[in-house]
Amino acid sequence: MTPTREQRKEARVTLHTPTILHWQSGQKGGSGTVSNMSRFGCYVLTQHPASIGENLTIRLNGQIPEIEGQVRYVDPQVG
């Protein structure tokens, strides 16, 4: 097996932060847990992942400001 090359621009920190998710299409929403985050991205554990390319808003611990982003990777049933 070939080692995977890290493609992230910045290192991520490990978290366990509850979050509220809102898809900007207004079609879905939900909750989850941010498991890691950097200045350029995060990974959200959720039972209802969005689709790749979907825009969404993340509110950590239900706080403002919200973080806007776009889904780049999905692991079905995980996040």
N, C-alpha and C. Protein backbone atom coordinates (compact mmCIF):
# COMPACT_ATOMS: atom_id res chain seq x y z
N MET A 1 0.83 -1.17 0.00
CA MET A 1 0.00 0.00 0.00
C MET A 1 0.89 1.24 0.00
N THR A 2 0.55 2.22 -0.84
CA THR A 2 1.32 3.44 -0.96
C THR A 2 0.91 4.44 0.12
N PRO A 3 1.87 5.10 0.77
CA PRO A 3 1.51 6.08 1.79
C PRO A 3 0.75 7.25 1.16
N THR A 4 -0.20 7.79 1.91
CA THR A 4 -0.99 8.92 1.44
C THR A 4 -0.24 10.21 1.75
N ARG A 5 -0.12 11.08 0.75
CA ARG A 5 0.55 12.36 0.94
C ARG A 5 -0.43 13.37 1.50
N GLU A 6 -0.05 14.05 2.55
CA GLU A 6 -0.89 15.08 3.16
C GLU A 6 -1.00 16.25 2.20
N GLN A 7 -2.24 16.66 1.86
CA GLN A 7 -2.44 17.73 0.90
C GLN A 7 -2.96 19.01 1.56
N ARG A 8 -3.16 19.01 2.84
CA ARG A 8 -3.67 20.20 3.53
C ARG A 8 -2.60 21.26 3.62
N LYS A 9 -3.05 22.53 3.52
CA LYS A 9 -2.12 23.65 3.59
C LYS A 9 -1.67 23.92 5.01
N GLU A 10 -2.52 23.60 5.99
CA GLU A 10 -2.19 23.82 7.39
C GLU A 10 -2.59 22.61 8.21
N ALA A 11 -1.89 22.38 9.30
CA ALA A 11 -2.20 21.27 10.20
C ALA A 11 -3.56 21.50 10.87
N ARG A 12 -4.24 20.42 11.18
CA ARG A 12 -5.52 20.52 11.88
C ARG A 12 -5.33 20.18 13.35
N VAL A 13 -6.17 20.81 14.18
CA VAL A 13 -6.17 20.50 15.60
C VAL A 13 -7.36 19.57 15.89
N THR A 14 -7.18 18.68 16.83
CA THR A 14 -8.24 17.76 17.21
C THR A 14 -9.20 18.45 18.16
N LEU A 15 -10.49 18.31 17.89
CA LEU A 15 -11.54 18.90 18.71
C LEU A 15 -12.60 17.85 18.99
N HIS A 16 -13.53 18.22 19.83
CA HIS A 16 -14.74 17.43 20.05
C HIS A 16 -15.82 18.46 20.39
N THR A 17 -16.22 19.24 19.36
CA THR A 17 -17.09 20.39 19.57
C THR A 17 -18.44 20.18 18.91
N PRO A 18 -19.53 20.18 19.68
CA PRO A 18 -20.86 20.06 19.08
C PRO A 18 -21.12 21.22 18.12
N THR A 19 -21.83 20.93 17.04
CA THR A 19 -22.09 21.95 16.03
C THR A 19 -23.48 21.80 15.45
N ILE A 20 -24.01 22.89 14.93
CA ILE A 20 -25.29 22.90 14.23
C ILE A 20 -24.97 23.16 12.76
N LEU A 21 -25.58 22.39 11.87
CA LEU A 21 -25.33 22.51 10.43
C LEU A 21 -26.57 23.00 9.71
N HIS A 22 -26.38 23.90 8.76
CA HIS A 22 -27.47 24.38 7.91
C HIS A 22 -26.97 24.39 6.48
N TRP A 23 -27.63 23.63 5.61
CA TRP A 23 -27.30 23.64 4.21
C TRP A 23 -27.87 24.92 3.62
N GLN A 24 -27.09 25.63 2.82
CA GLN A 24 -27.53 26.92 2.30
C GLN A 24 -28.67 26.78 1.30
N SER A 25 -28.89 25.58 0.78
CA SER A 25 -30.02 25.35 -0.12
C SER A 25 -31.33 25.40 0.66
N GLY A 26 -31.23 25.32 1.99
CA GLY A 26 -32.42 25.34 2.84
C GLY A 26 -33.13 24.00 2.89
N GLN A 27 -32.58 23.00 2.23
CA GLN A 27 -33.22 21.69 2.16
C GLN A 27 -32.96 20.82 3.37
N LYS A 28 -31.84 21.02 4.04
CA LYS A 28 -31.46 20.13 5.13
C LYS A 28 -30.87 20.92 6.28
N GLY A 29 -30.62 20.23 7.32
CA GLY A 29 -29.95 20.78 8.48
C GLY A 29 -29.70 19.63 9.43
N GLY A 30 -29.00 19.88 10.47
CA GLY A 30 -28.75 18.82 11.42
C GLY A 30 -27.73 19.24 12.44
N SER A 31 -27.18 18.26 13.08
CA SER A 31 -26.17 18.52 14.09
C SER A 31 -25.07 17.49 13.96
N GLY A 32 -23.98 17.74 14.61
CA GLY A 32 -22.86 16.83 14.56
C GLY A 32 -21.79 17.29 15.53
N THR A 33 -20.59 16.78 15.33
CA THR A 33 -19.45 17.12 16.16
C THR A 33 -18.26 17.40 15.26
N VAL A 34 -17.66 18.57 15.41
CA VAL A 34 -16.44 18.87 14.67
C VAL A 34 -15.31 18.10 15.35
N SER A 35 -14.66 17.22 14.58
CA SER A 35 -13.61 16.39 15.17
C SER A 35 -12.22 16.95 14.95
N ASN A 36 -12.04 17.78 13.91
CA ASN A 36 -10.78 18.47 13.70
C ASN A 36 -11.01 19.71 12.86
N MET A 37 -10.09 20.69 12.99
CA MET A 37 -10.30 21.95 12.31
C MET A 37 -8.96 22.65 12.08
N SER A 38 -8.89 23.37 10.96
CA SER A 38 -7.77 24.26 10.68
C SER A 38 -8.35 25.57 10.16
N ARG A 39 -7.51 26.46 9.75
CA ARG A 39 -7.98 27.73 9.21
C ARG A 39 -8.72 27.53 7.89
N PHE A 40 -8.43 26.44 7.18
CA PHE A 40 -9.02 26.22 5.86
C PHE A 40 -10.03 25.09 5.79
N GLY A 41 -10.30 24.38 6.88
CA GLY A 41 -11.25 23.29 6.79
C GLY A 41 -11.51 22.62 8.13
N CYS A 42 -12.53 21.75 8.11
CA CYS A 42 -12.85 20.98 9.31
C CYS A 42 -13.53 19.69 8.88
N TYR A 43 -13.62 18.77 9.81
CA TYR A 43 -14.32 17.51 9.57
C TYR A 43 -15.44 17.40 10.59
N VAL A 44 -16.65 17.17 10.10
CA VAL A 44 -17.82 17.09 10.97
C VAL A 44 -18.36 15.66 10.98
N LEU A 45 -18.41 15.07 12.16
CA LEU A 45 -19.04 13.76 12.31
C LEU A 45 -20.54 13.98 12.40
N THR A 46 -21.30 13.36 11.50
CA THR A 46 -22.75 13.51 11.49
C THR A 46 -23.38 12.29 10.85
N GLN A 47 -24.58 11.95 11.25
CA GLN A 47 -25.27 10.80 10.68
C GLN A 47 -25.92 11.13 9.35
N HIS A 48 -25.98 12.42 9.01
CA HIS A 48 -26.62 12.85 7.76
C HIS A 48 -25.70 13.78 6.99
N PRO A 49 -24.61 13.24 6.40
CA PRO A 49 -23.66 14.09 5.69
C PRO A 49 -24.30 14.77 4.47
N ALA A 50 -23.81 15.95 4.16
CA ALA A 50 -24.20 16.65 2.94
C ALA A 50 -23.52 15.99 1.75
N SER A 51 -23.88 16.41 0.57
CA SER A 51 -23.26 15.89 -0.66
C SER A 51 -22.05 16.76 -1.02
N ILE A 52 -21.10 16.17 -1.71
CA ILE A 52 -19.93 16.91 -2.17
C ILE A 52 -20.40 18.08 -3.03
N GLY A 53 -19.83 19.25 -2.78
CA GLY A 53 -20.17 20.45 -3.53
C GLY A 53 -21.24 21.30 -2.87
N GLU A 54 -21.96 20.75 -1.90
CA GLU A 54 -23.00 21.53 -1.22
C GLU A 54 -22.37 22.60 -0.34
N ASN A 55 -23.00 23.77 -0.34
CA ASN A 55 -22.59 24.86 0.55
C ASN A 55 -23.34 24.71 1.86
N LEU A 56 -22.67 25.00 2.95
CA LEU A 56 -23.33 24.91 4.25
C LEU A 56 -22.79 25.94 5.22
N THR A 57 -23.53 26.12 6.29
CA THR A 57 -23.15 27.01 7.37
C THR A 57 -22.99 26.17 8.62
N ILE A 58 -21.91 26.38 9.35
CA ILE A 58 -21.62 25.65 10.58
C ILE A 58 -21.63 26.63 11.73
N ARG A 59 -22.32 26.26 12.78
CA ARG A 59 -22.34 27.10 13.99
C ARG A 59 -21.80 26.24 15.13
N LEU A 60 -20.58 26.50 15.57
CA LEU A 60 -19.94 25.74 16.64
C LEU A 60 -20.61 26.04 17.97
N ASN A 61 -21.00 25.01 18.68
CA ASN A 61 -21.66 25.15 19.98
C ASN A 61 -22.86 26.10 19.91
N GLY A 62 -23.45 26.23 18.74
CA GLY A 62 -24.60 27.11 18.58
C GLY A 62 -24.26 28.59 18.65
N GLN A 63 -22.97 28.93 18.58
CA GLN A 63 -22.52 30.32 18.73
C GLN A 63 -22.44 31.03 17.38
N ILE A 64 -22.43 32.33 17.44
CA ILE A 64 -22.20 33.16 16.27
C ILE A 64 -20.80 33.73 16.44
N PRO A 65 -19.95 33.89 15.47
CA PRO A 65 -20.28 33.89 14.06
C PRO A 65 -20.38 32.49 13.49
N GLU A 66 -21.09 32.40 12.39
CA GLU A 66 -21.21 31.15 11.67
C GLU A 66 -20.03 31.03 10.70
N ILE A 67 -19.73 29.81 10.34
CA ILE A 67 -18.66 29.53 9.38
C ILE A 67 -19.33 29.02 8.12
N GLU A 68 -19.03 29.61 6.98
CA GLU A 68 -19.58 29.14 5.72
C GLU A 68 -18.53 28.32 5.00
N GLY A 69 -18.96 27.26 4.33
CA GLY A 69 -18.02 26.41 3.62
C GLY A 69 -18.69 25.58 2.56
N GLN A 70 -17.89 24.76 1.93
CA GLN A 70 -18.37 23.86 0.89
C GLN A 70 -17.84 22.47 1.17
N VAL A 71 -18.68 21.47 1.00
CA VAL A 71 -18.30 20.07 1.26
C VAL A 71 -17.34 19.61 0.18
N ARG A 72 -16.18 19.09 0.61
CA ARG A 72 -15.14 18.58 -0.31
C ARG A 72 -14.97 17.08 -0.23
N TYR A 73 -15.39 16.48 0.87
CA TYR A 73 -15.19 15.03 1.09
C TYR A 73 -16.32 14.53 1.96
N VAL A 74 -16.82 13.35 1.63
CA VAL A 74 -17.89 12.73 2.43
C VAL A 74 -17.56 11.27 2.66
N ASP A 75 -17.71 10.82 3.90
CA ASP A 75 -17.62 9.42 4.26
C ASP A 75 -19.03 9.03 4.73
N PRO A 76 -19.82 8.34 3.89
CA PRO A 76 -21.21 8.05 4.22
C PRO A 76 -21.38 7.42 5.61
N GLN A 77 -22.41 7.87 6.32
CA GLN A 77 -22.76 7.43 7.66
C GLN A 77 -21.75 7.84 8.72
N VAL A 78 -20.74 8.64 8.35
CA VAL A 78 -19.74 9.09 9.32
C VAL A 78 -19.64 10.61 9.33
N GLY A 79 -19.47 11.22 8.18
CA GLY A 79 -19.33 12.69 8.14
C GLY A 79 -18.75 13.18 6.86
